[in-house]
């Protein structure tokens, strides 16, 4: 449970939420391409910016100042989080379901799809599990997102079988 709790607090989505709360997108200096594509709203950029701020505070001062900053930014999240309700990502849920049924773990395969030069990368993940008679395929903007989507689809198919 503690590992999932830590994961939910440091994942990109949470860091991006903090970045939005601090309105970091409005003060970022980005290149023209990122500005055009709305990079100042992009989750990964906001999350990376928050991490960079933590690192900069550490370099400029010390660990106690970084700790104080992090605790201040996470205060409400830490007070309201229910350890039993920390949401598990689809890959974790699928793995736990298969383990509870004494089944082999899923096998993932990911490939990058060819895109036009000005398009962001797109990935395709396949998820293969013994309980399904077909390979589940999904696409996403990153390697991880594609795997998560394929795991989510596999969970849906397994639920339909039950």
Foldseek 3Di string as FASTA:
>chain_A
DVVLVVCLCLDLQNQLVLLVVVPVLVVDDDDPLCVVVVVSNDSNVSSVVSVVVLVVVCVVDHDVVSVVVSCVSCVVVVVPDDPVPRDDFLLVVLQVVCVVVVFDRKDKDKDWDDDPPSDQIKMKMWIDGPVDPDIFIAMDSDPVVRVSVSSVVVVVVVVVVD
